[in-house]
């Protein structure tokens, strides 16, 4: 999907250029960093603006809803949301 979305964006005048995006990954265990990096590589090559957080934007859980118990992951998402809101206000000022 990412590959096709990138081609569509390029064919349409770099349509993601200067848009704001943030990779968020919910996983059981392995693969989180690879998925996070792959999404960010797409954002960067698409010339998107990507805010950061206090840690990598990922949450961990085995069963449905369990990621909601990942306190560090939830705090990371809170900071990410704050940073995204700040960035959106700055670029729309």
PDB file of N, CA and C in Angstrom:
ATOM      1  N   UNK A   1       0.814  -1.190   0.000  1.00  0.00           N
ATOM      2  CA  UNK A   1       0.000   0.000   0.000  1.00  0.00           C
ATOM      3  C   UNK A   1       0.868   1.268   0.000  1.00  0.00           C
ATOM      4  N   UNK A   2       1.897   1.277   0.819  1.00  0.00           N
ATOM      5  CA  UNK A   2       2.755   2.459   0.891  1.00  0.00           C
ATOM      6  C   UNK A   2       3.395   2.734  -0.463  1.00  0.00           C
ATOM      7  N   UNK A   3       3.877   1.694  -1.122  1.00  0.00           N
ATOM      8  CA  UNK A   3       4.506   1.845  -2.431  1.00  0.00           C
ATOM      9  C   UNK A   3       3.538   2.483  -3.432  1.00  0.00           C
ATOM     10  N   UNK A   4       2.321   1.994  -3.488  1.00  0.00           N
ATOM     11  CA  UNK A   4       1.320   2.526  -4.430  1.00  0.00           C
ATOM     12  C   UNK A   4       0.924   3.950  -4.060  1.00  0.00           C
ATOM     13  N   UNK A   5       0.764   4.220  -2.769  1.00  0.00           N
ATOM     14  CA  UNK A   5       0.409   5.575  -2.329  1.00  0.00           C
ATOM     15  C   UNK A   5       1.505   6.568  -2.723  1.00  0.00           C
ATOM     16  N   UNK A   6       2.754   6.124  -2.627  1.00  0.00           N
ATOM     17  CA  UNK A   6       3.863   6.991  -3.022  1.00  0.00           C
ATOM     18  C   UNK A   6       3.838   7.303  -4.509  1.00  0.00           C
ATOM     19  N   UNK A   7       3.542   6.310  -5.322  1.00  0.00           N
ATOM     20  CA  UNK A   7       3.478   6.537  -6.769  1.00  0.00           C
ATOM     21  C   UNK A   7       2.313   7.466  -7.136  1.00  0.00           C
ATOM     22  N   UNK A   8       1.180   7.276  -6.489  1.00  0.00           N
ATOM     23  CA  UNK A   8       0.023   8.156  -6.733  1.00  0.00           C
ATOM     24  C   UNK A   8       0.361   9.586  -6.326  1.00  0.00           C
ATOM     25  N   UNK A   9       1.045   9.746  -5.204  1.00  0.00           N
ATOM     26  CA  UNK A   9       1.421  11.083  -4.738  1.00  0.00           C
ATOM     27  C   UNK A   9       2.357  11.775  -5.724  1.00  0.00           C
ATOM     28  N   UNK A  10       3.361  11.049  -6.196  1.00  0.00           N
ATOM     29  CA  UNK A  10       4.319  11.623  -7.153  1.00  0.00           C
ATOM     30  C   UNK A  10       3.614  11.997  -8.449  1.00  0.00           C
ATOM     31  N   UNK A  11       2.731  11.128  -8.907  1.00  0.00           N
ATOM     32  CA  UNK A  11       2.007  11.382 -10.157  1.00  0.00           C
ATOM     33  C   UNK A  11       1.043  12.557 -10.042  1.00  0.00           C
ATOM     34  N   UNK A  12       0.738  12.965  -8.826  1.00  0.00           N
ATOM     35  CA  UNK A  12      -0.191  14.069  -8.595  1.00  0.00           C
ATOM     36  C   UNK A  12       0.489  15.253  -7.926  1.00  0.00           C
ATOM     37  N   UNK A  13       1.678  15.567  -8.406  1.00  0.00           N
ATOM     38  CA  UNK A  13       2.375  16.769  -7.950  1.00  0.00           C
ATOM     39  C   UNK A  13       2.855  16.716  -6.510  1.00  0.00           C
ATOM     40  N   UNK A  14       3.348  15.565  -6.066  1.00  0.00           N
ATOM     41  CA  UNK A  14       3.838  15.413  -4.685  1.00  0.00           C
ATOM     42  C   UNK A  14       2.769  15.836  -3.677  1.00  0.00           C
ATOM     43  N   UNK A  15       1.607  15.204  -3.764  1.00  0.00           N
ATOM     44  CA  UNK A  15       0.441  15.617  -2.985  1.00  0.00           C
ATOM     45  C   UNK A  15       0.606  15.530  -1.467  1.00  0.00           C
ATOM     46  N   UNK A  16       1.591  14.783  -0.962  1.00  0.00           N
ATOM     47  CA  UNK A  16       1.811  14.716   0.487  1.00  0.00           C
ATOM     48  C   UNK A  16       2.830  15.745   0.963  1.00  0.00           C
ATOM     49  N   UNK A  17       3.427  16.468   0.037  1.00  0.00           N
ATOM     50  CA  UNK A  17       4.470  17.446   0.370  1.00  0.00           C
ATOM     51  C   UNK A  17       3.955  18.460   1.387  1.00  0.00           C
ATOM     52  N   UNK A  18       4.699  18.614   2.460  1.00  0.00           N
ATOM     53  CA  UNK A  18       4.422  19.533   3.560  1.00  0.00           C
ATOM     54  C   UNK A  18       3.145  19.230   4.340  1.00  0.00           C
ATOM     55  N   UNK A  19       2.645  18.014   4.194  1.00  0.00           N
ATOM     56  CA  UNK A  19       1.549  17.564   5.048  1.00  0.00           C
ATOM     57  C   UNK A  19       2.172  17.010   6.334  1.00  0.00           C
ATOM     58  N   UNK A  20       1.416  17.010   7.415  1.00  0.00           N
ATOM     59  CA  UNK A  20       1.907  16.503   8.692  1.00  0.00           C
ATOM     60  C   UNK A  20       1.449  15.065   8.870  1.00  0.00           C
ATOM     61  N   UNK A  21       2.367  14.209   9.277  1.00  0.00           N
ATOM     62  CA  UNK A  21       2.029  12.815   9.531  1.00  0.00           C
ATOM     63  C   UNK A  21       2.868  12.270  10.667  1.00  0.00           C
ATOM     64  N   UNK A  22       2.355  11.247  11.321  1.00  0.00           N
ATOM     65  CA  UNK A  22       3.105  10.598  12.396  1.00  0.00           C
ATOM     66  C   UNK A  22       2.858   9.099  12.330  1.00  0.00           C
ATOM     67  N   UNK A  23       3.921   8.336  12.304  1.00  0.00           N
ATOM     68  CA  UNK A  23       3.808   6.880  12.324  1.00  0.00           C
ATOM     69  C   UNK A  23       3.432   6.431  13.723  1.00  0.00           C
ATOM     70  N   UNK A  24       2.430   5.572  13.817  1.00  0.00           N
ATOM     71  CA  UNK A  24       2.002   4.987  15.086  1.00  0.00           C
ATOM     72  C   UNK A  24       1.853   3.487  14.866  1.00  0.00           C
ATOM     73  N   UNK A  25       2.461   2.698  15.740  1.00  0.00           N
ATOM     74  CA  UNK A  25       2.482   1.252  15.564  1.00  0.00           C
ATOM     75  C   UNK A  25       1.982   0.577  16.845  1.00  0.00           C
ATOM     76  N   UNK A  26       1.068  -0.370  16.694  1.00  0.00           N
ATOM     77  CA  UNK A  26       0.618  -1.197  17.818  1.00  0.00           C
ATOM     78  C   UNK A  26       0.990  -2.639  17.492  1.00  0.00           C
ATOM     79  N   UNK A  27       1.757  -3.266  18.356  1.00  0.00           N
ATOM     80  CA  UNK A  27       2.274  -4.612  18.084  1.00  0.00           C
ATOM     81  C   UNK A  27       2.206  -5.488  19.326  1.00  0.00           C
ATOM     82  N   UNK A  28       2.376  -6.771  19.079  1.00  0.00           N
ATOM     83  CA  UNK A  28       2.488  -7.720  20.189  1.00  0.00           C
ATOM     84  C   UNK A  28       3.899  -7.681  20.759  1.00  0.00           C
ATOM     85  N   UNK A  29       4.888  -7.765  19.860  1.00  0.00           N
ATOM     86  CA  UNK A  29       6.274  -7.791  20.305  1.00  0.00           C
ATOM     87  C   UNK A  29       7.200  -7.355  19.194  1.00  0.00           C
ATOM     88  N   UNK A  30       7.658  -8.294  18.373  1.00  0.00           N
ATOM     89  CA  UNK A  30       8.656  -8.024  17.354  1.00  0.00           C
ATOM     90  C   UNK A  30       8.110  -7.252  16.158  1.00  0.00           C
ATOM     91  N   UNK A  31       9.006  -6.564  15.477  1.00  0.00           N
ATOM     92  CA  UNK A  31       8.661  -5.865  14.249  1.00  0.00           C
ATOM     93  C   UNK A  31       8.282  -4.419  14.419  1.00  0.00           C
ATOM     94  N   UNK A  32       8.195  -3.953  15.637  1.00  0.00           N
ATOM     95  CA  UNK A  32       7.733  -2.586  15.873  1.00  0.00           C
ATOM     96  C   UNK A  32       8.660  -1.542  15.247  1.00  0.00           C
ATOM     97  N   UNK A  33       9.936  -1.680  15.480  1.00  0.00           N
ATOM     98  CA  UNK A  33      10.892  -0.696  14.963  1.00  0.00           C
ATOM     99  C   UNK A  33      10.912  -0.720  13.437  1.00  0.00           C
ATOM    100  N   UNK A  34      10.890  -1.898  12.843  1.00  0.00           N
ATOM    101  CA  UNK A  34      10.902  -1.990  11.385  1.00  0.00           C
ATOM    102  C   UNK A  34       9.651  -1.335  10.790  1.00  0.00           C
ATOM    103  N   UNK A  35       8.492  -1.613  11.354  1.00  0.00           N
ATOM    104  CA  UNK A  35       7.252  -1.005  10.862  1.00  0.00           C
ATOM    105  C   UNK A  35       7.294   0.506  11.037  1.00  0.00           C
ATOM    106  N   UNK A  36       7.728   0.969  12.202  1.00  0.00           N
ATOM    107  CA  UNK A  36       7.833   2.403  12.495  1.00  0.00           C
ATOM    108  C   UNK A  36       8.774   3.090  11.499  1.00  0.00           C
ATOM    109  N   UNK A  37       9.944   2.493  11.269  1.00  0.00           N
ATOM    110  CA  UNK A  37      10.917   3.067  10.340  1.00  0.00           C
ATOM    111  C   UNK A  37      10.395   3.069   8.906  1.00  0.00           C
ATOM    112  N   UNK A  38       9.735   2.007   8.504  1.00  0.00           N
ATOM    113  CA  UNK A  38       9.216   1.930   7.135  1.00  0.00           C
ATOM    114  C   UNK A  38       8.185   3.024   6.866  1.00  0.00           C
ATOM    115  N   UNK A  39       7.292   3.234   7.823  1.00  0.00           N
ATOM    116  CA  UNK A  39       6.287   4.300   7.663  1.00  0.00           C
ATOM    117  C   UNK A  39       6.969   5.656   7.603  1.00  0.00           C
ATOM    118  N   UNK A  40       7.935   5.881   8.496  1.00  0.00           N
ATOM    119  CA  UNK A  40       8.645   7.169   8.491  1.00  0.00           C
ATOM    120  C   UNK A  40       9.446   7.378   7.210  1.00  0.00           C
ATOM    121  N   UNK A  41      10.049   6.331   6.667  1.00  0.00           N
ATOM    122  CA  UNK A  41      10.764   6.481   5.395  1.00  0.00           C
ATOM    123  C   UNK A  41       9.822   6.958   4.303  1.00  0.00           C
ATOM    124  N   UNK A  42       8.623   6.407   4.277  1.00  0.00           N
ATOM    125  CA  UNK A  42       7.617   6.862   3.308  1.00  0.00           C
ATOM    126  C   UNK A  42       7.288   8.337   3.534  1.00  0.00           C
ATOM    127  N   UNK A  43       7.076   8.729   4.779  1.00  0.00           N
ATOM    128  CA  UNK A  43       6.764  10.132   5.078  1.00  0.00           C
ATOM    129  C   UNK A  43       7.897  11.049   4.634  1.00  0.00           C
ATOM    130  N   UNK A  44       9.134  10.669   4.940  1.00  0.00           N
ATOM    131  CA  UNK A  44      10.270  11.523   4.607  1.00  0.00           C
ATOM    132  C   UNK A  44      10.466  11.657   3.106  1.00  0.00           C
ATOM    133  N   UNK A  45      10.375  10.550   2.376  1.00  0.00           N
ATOM    134  CA  UNK A  45      10.569  10.623   0.931  1.00  0.00           C
ATOM    135  C   UNK A  45       9.407  11.346   0.249  1.00  0.00           C
ATOM    136  N   UNK A  46       8.276  11.427   0.965  1.00  0.00           N
ATOM    137  CA  UNK A  46       7.114  12.158   0.449  1.00  0.00           C
ATOM    138  C   UNK A  46       7.151  13.633   0.843  1.00  0.00           C
ATOM    139  N   UNK A  47       8.239  14.055   1.489  1.00  0.00           N
ATOM    140  CA  UNK A  47       8.460  15.441   1.895  1.00  0.00           C
ATOM    141  C   UNK A  47       7.461  15.902   2.954  1.00  0.00           C
ATOM    142  N   UNK A  48       7.061  14.975   3.815  1.00  0.00           N
ATOM    143  CA  UNK A  48       6.108  15.308   4.869  1.00  0.00           C
ATOM    144  C   UNK A  48       6.825  15.851   6.101  1.00  0.00           C
ATOM    145  N   UNK A  49       6.096  16.558   6.927  1.00  0.00           N
ATOM    146  CA  UNK A  49       6.591  17.074   8.199  1.00  0.00           C
ATOM    147  C   UNK A  49       6.190  16.055   9.277  1.00  0.00           C
ATOM    148  N   UNK A  50       7.168  15.605  10.063  1.00  0.00           N
ATOM    149  CA  UNK A  50       6.921  14.538  11.022  1.00  0.00           C
ATOM    150  C   UNK A  50       7.349  14.988  12.421  1.00  0.00           C
ATOM    151  N   UNK A  51       6.394  15.200  13.334  1.00  0.00           N
ATOM    152  CA  UNK A  51       6.753  15.559  14.707  1.00  0.00           C
ATOM    153  C   UNK A  51       7.220  14.327  15.473  1.00  0.00           C
ATOM    154  N   UNK A  52       8.010  14.544  16.480  1.00  0.00           N
ATOM    155  CA  UNK A  52       8.488  13.448  17.310  1.00  0.00           C
ATOM    156  C   UNK A  52       7.752  13.391  18.633  1.00  0.00           C
ATOM    157  N   UNK A  53       8.182  12.480  19.477  1.00  0.00           N
ATOM    158  CA  UNK A  53       7.620  12.327  20.811  1.00  0.00           C
ATOM    159  C   UNK A  53       8.753  11.998  21.768  1.00  0.00           C
ATOM    160  N   UNK A  54       8.412  11.530  22.940  1.00  0.00           N
ATOM    161  CA  UNK A  54       9.421  11.232  23.950  1.00  0.00           C
ATOM    162  C   UNK A  54      10.060   9.867  23.747  1.00  0.00           C
ATOM    163  N   UNK A  55       9.458   9.033  22.905  1.00  0.00           N
ATOM    164  CA  UNK A  55       9.965   7.701  22.585  1.00  0.00           C
ATOM    165  C   UNK A  55       9.393   7.344  21.222  1.00  0.00           C
ATOM    166  N   UNK A  56       9.731   6.182  20.693  1.00  0.00           N
ATOM    167  CA  UNK A  56       9.155   5.770  19.417  1.00  0.00           C
ATOM    168  C   UNK A  56       7.659   5.557  19.598  1.00  0.00           C
ATOM    169  N   UNK A  57       6.881   5.917  18.596  1.00  0.00           N
ATOM    170  CA  UNK A  57       5.421   5.894  18.689  1.00  0.00           C
ATOM    171  C   UNK A  57       4.887   4.480  18.513  1.00  0.00           C
ATOM    172  N   UNK A  58       4.945   3.722  19.599  1.00  0.00           N
ATOM    173  CA  UNK A  58       4.460   2.345  19.532  1.00  0.00           C
ATOM    174  C   UNK A  58       3.848   1.945  20.861  1.00  0.00           C
ATOM    175  N   UNK A  59       2.877   1.054  20.771  1.00  0.00           N
ATOM    176  CA  UNK A  59       2.251   0.495  21.952  1.00  0.00           C
ATOM    177  C   UNK A  59       2.296  -1.019  21.857  1.00  0.00           C
ATOM    178  N   UNK A  60       2.348  -1.666  22.998  1.00  0.00           N
ATOM    179  CA  UNK A  60       2.482  -3.122  23.033  1.00  0.00           C
ATOM    180  C   UNK A  60       1.298  -3.772  23.734  1.00  0.00           C
ATOM    181  N   UNK A  61       0.829  -4.869  23.171  1.00  0.00           N
ATOM    182  CA  UNK A  61      -0.243  -5.647  23.785  1.00  0.00           C
ATOM    183  C   UNK A  61      -0.448  -6.941  23.022  1.00  0.00           C
ATOM    184  N   UNK A  62      -0.884  -7.961  23.721  1.00  0.00           N
ATOM    185  CA  UNK A  62      -1.109  -9.254  23.095  1.00  0.00           C
ATOM    186  C   UNK A  62      -2.553  -9.393  22.627  1.00  0.00           C
ATOM    187  N   UNK A  63      -3.488  -9.121  23.510  1.00  0.00           N
ATOM    188  CA  UNK A  63      -4.900  -9.293  23.186  1.00  0.00           C
ATOM    189  C   UNK A  63      -5.562  -7.954  22.860  1.00  0.00           C
ATOM    190  N   UNK A  64      -6.730  -8.028  22.240  1.00  0.00           N
ATOM    191  CA  UNK A  64      -7.496  -6.833  21.871  1.00  0.00           C
ATOM    192  C   UNK A  64      -7.688  -5.946  23.110  1.00  0.00           C
ATOM    193  N   UNK A  65      -7.367  -4.669  22.955  1.00  0.00           N
ATOM    194  CA  UNK A  65      -7.521  -3.701  24.036  1.00  0.00           C
ATOM    195  C   UNK A  65      -6.374  -3.655  25.024  1.00  0.00           C
ATOM    196  N   UNK A  66      -5.462  -4.608  24.962  1.00  0.00           N
ATOM    197  CA  UNK A  66      -4.365  -4.668  25.926  1.00  0.00           C
ATOM    198  C   UNK A  66      -3.380  -3.519  25.776  1.00  0.00           C
ATOM    199  N   UNK A  67      -3.252  -2.999  24.566  1.00  0.00           N
ATOM    200  CA  UNK A  67      -2.329  -1.889  24.350  1.00  0.00           C
ATOM    201  C   UNK A  67      -2.752  -0.662  25.173  1.00  0.00           C
ATOM    202  N   UNK A  68      -4.015  -0.597  25.532  1.00  0.00           N
ATOM    203  CA  UNK A  68      -4.505   0.507  26.370  1.00  0.00           C
ATOM    204  C   UNK A  68      -3.922   0.465  27.780  1.00  0.00           C
ATOM    205  N   UNK A  69      -3.298  -0.639  28.160  1.00  0.00           N
ATOM    206  CA  UNK A  69      -2.659  -0.777  29.471  1.00  0.00           C
ATOM    207  C   UNK A  69      -1.175  -0.431  29.418  1.00  0.00           C
ATOM    208  N   UNK A  70      -0.666  -0.138  28.237  1.00  0.00           N
ATOM    209  CA  UNK A  70       0.741   0.211  28.058  1.00  0.00           C
ATOM    210  C   UNK A  70       0.918   1.683  28.432  1.00  0.00           C
ATOM    211  N   UNK A  71       1.227   1.940  29.704  1.00  0.00           N
ATOM    212  CA  UNK A  71       1.305   3.319  30.194  1.00  0.00           C
ATOM    213  C   UNK A  71       2.363   4.149  29.481  1.00  0.00           C
ATOM    214  N   UNK A  72       3.518   3.565  29.217  1.00  0.00           N
ATOM    215  CA  UNK A  72       4.568   4.299  28.502  1.00  0.00           C
ATOM    216  C   UNK A  72       4.119   4.622  27.079  1.00  0.00           C
ATOM    217  N   UNK A  73       3.487   3.660  26.424  1.00  0.00           N
ATOM    218  CA  UNK A  73       2.973   3.890  25.079  1.00  0.00           C
ATOM    219  C   UNK A  73       1.909   4.978  25.056  1.00  0.00           C
ATOM    220  N   UNK A  74       1.017   4.967  26.037  1.00  0.00           N
ATOM    221  CA  UNK A  74      -0.031   5.994  26.098  1.00  0.00           C
ATOM    222  C   UNK A  74       0.555   7.380  26.331  1.00  0.00           C
ATOM    223  N   UNK A  75       1.560   7.472  27.202  1.00  0.00           N
ATOM    224  CA  UNK A  75       2.213   8.772  27.452  1.00  0.00           C
ATOM    225  C   UNK A  75       2.939   9.242  26.189  1.00  0.00           C
ATOM    226  N   UNK A  76       3.566   8.322  25.485  1.00  0.00           N
ATOM    227  CA  UNK A  76       4.233   8.668  24.229  1.00  0.00           C
ATOM    228  C   UNK A  76       3.230   9.242  23.238  1.00  0.00           C
ATOM    229  N   UNK A  77       2.050   8.628  23.143  1.00  0.00           N
ATOM    230  CA  UNK A  77       1.018   9.116  22.221  1.00  0.00           C
ATOM    231  C   UNK A  77       0.475  10.474  22.657  1.00  0.00           C
ATOM    232  N   UNK A  78       0.370  10.692  23.961  1.00  0.00           N
ATOM    233  CA  UNK A  78      -0.084  11.989  24.476  1.00  0.00           C
ATOM    234  C   UNK A  78       0.878  13.099  24.046  1.00  0.00           C
ATOM    235  N   UNK A  79       2.172  12.856  24.250  1.00  0.00           N
ATOM    236  CA  UNK A  79       3.187  13.844  23.855  1.00  0.00           C
ATOM    237  C   UNK A  79       3.180  14.020  22.337  1.00  0.00           C
ATOM    238  N   UNK A  80       3.038  12.941  21.598  1.00  0.00           N
ATOM    239  CA  UNK A  80       2.969  13.032  20.141  1.00  0.00           C
ATOM    240  C   UNK A  80       1.790  13.911  19.717  1.00  0.00           C
ATOM    241  N   UNK A  81       0.632  13.706  20.327  1.00  0.00           N
ATOM    242  CA  UNK A  81      -0.540  14.529  20.007  1.00  0.00           C
ATOM    243  C   UNK A  81      -0.298  15.997  20.307  1.00  0.00           C
ATOM    244  N   UNK A  82       0.327  16.289  21.426  1.00  0.00           N
ATOM    245  CA  UNK A  82       0.655  17.674  21.781  1.00  0.00           C
ATOM    246  C   UNK A  82       1.612  18.284  20.764  1.00  0.00           C
ATOM    247  N   UNK A  83       2.648  17.528  20.382  1.00  0.00           N
ATOM    248  CA  UNK A  83       3.618  18.033  19.413  1.00  0.00           C
ATOM    249  C   UNK A  83       3.004  18.201  18.032  1.00  0.00           C
ATOM    250  N   UNK A  84       2.108  17.299  17.660  1.00  0.00           N
ATOM    251  CA  UNK A  84       1.434  17.417  16.369  1.00  0.00           C
ATOM    252  C   UNK A  84       0.539  18.660  16.344  1.00  0.00           C
ATOM    253  N   UNK A  85      -0.200  18.880  17.427  1.00  0.00           N
ATOM    254  CA  UNK A  85      -1.062  20.065  17.520  1.00  0.00           C
ATOM    255  C   UNK A  85      -0.230  21.341  17.433  1.00  0.00           C
ATOM    256  N   UNK A  86       0.907  21.365  18.128  1.00  0.00           N
ATOM    257  CA  UNK A  86       1.787  22.539  18.095  1.00  0.00           C
ATOM    258  C   UNK A  86       2.276  22.798  16.672  1.00  0.00           C
ATOM    259  N   UNK A  87       2.744  21.739  16.014  1.00  0.00           N
ATOM    260  CA  UNK A  87       3.262  21.884  14.644  1.00  0.00           C
ATOM    261  C   UNK A  87       2.174  22.356  13.685  1.00  0.00           C
ATOM    262  N   UNK A  88       0.998  21.779  13.778  1.00  0.00           N
ATOM    263  CA  UNK A  88      -0.102  22.201  12.903  1.00  0.00           C
ATOM    264  C   UNK A  88      -0.453  23.667  13.099  1.00  0.00           C
ATOM    265  N   UNK A  89      -0.437  24.138  14.346  1.00  0.00           N
ATOM    266  CA  UNK A  89      -0.697  25.554  14.605  1.00  0.00           C
ATOM    267  C   UNK A  89       0.394  26.435  14.011  1.00  0.00           C
ATOM    268  N   UNK A  90       1.635  25.997  14.117  1.00  0.00           N
ATOM    269  CA  UNK A  90       2.758  26.788  13.596  1.00  0.00           C
ATOM    270  C   UNK A  90       2.715  26.894  12.066  1.00  0.00           C
ATOM    271  N   UNK A  91       2.398  25.810  11.380  1.00  0.00           N
ATOM    272  CA  UNK A  91       2.426  25.885   9.922  1.00  0.00           C
ATOM    273  C   UNK A  91       1.167  26.518   9.348  1.00  0.00           C
ATOM    274  N   UNK A  92       0.118  26.643  10.165  1.00  0.00           N
ATOM    275  CA  UNK A  92      -1.108  27.294   9.713  1.00  0.00           C
ATOM    276  C   UNK A  92      -1.220  28.728  10.185  1.00  0.00           C
ATOM    277  N   UNK A  93      -0.181  29.219  10.881  1.00  0.00           N
ATOM    278  CA  UNK A  93      -0.225  30.588  11.421  1.00  0.00           C
ATOM    279  C   UNK A  93      -0.052  31.609  10.317  1.00  0.00           C
TER     280      UNK A  93
END
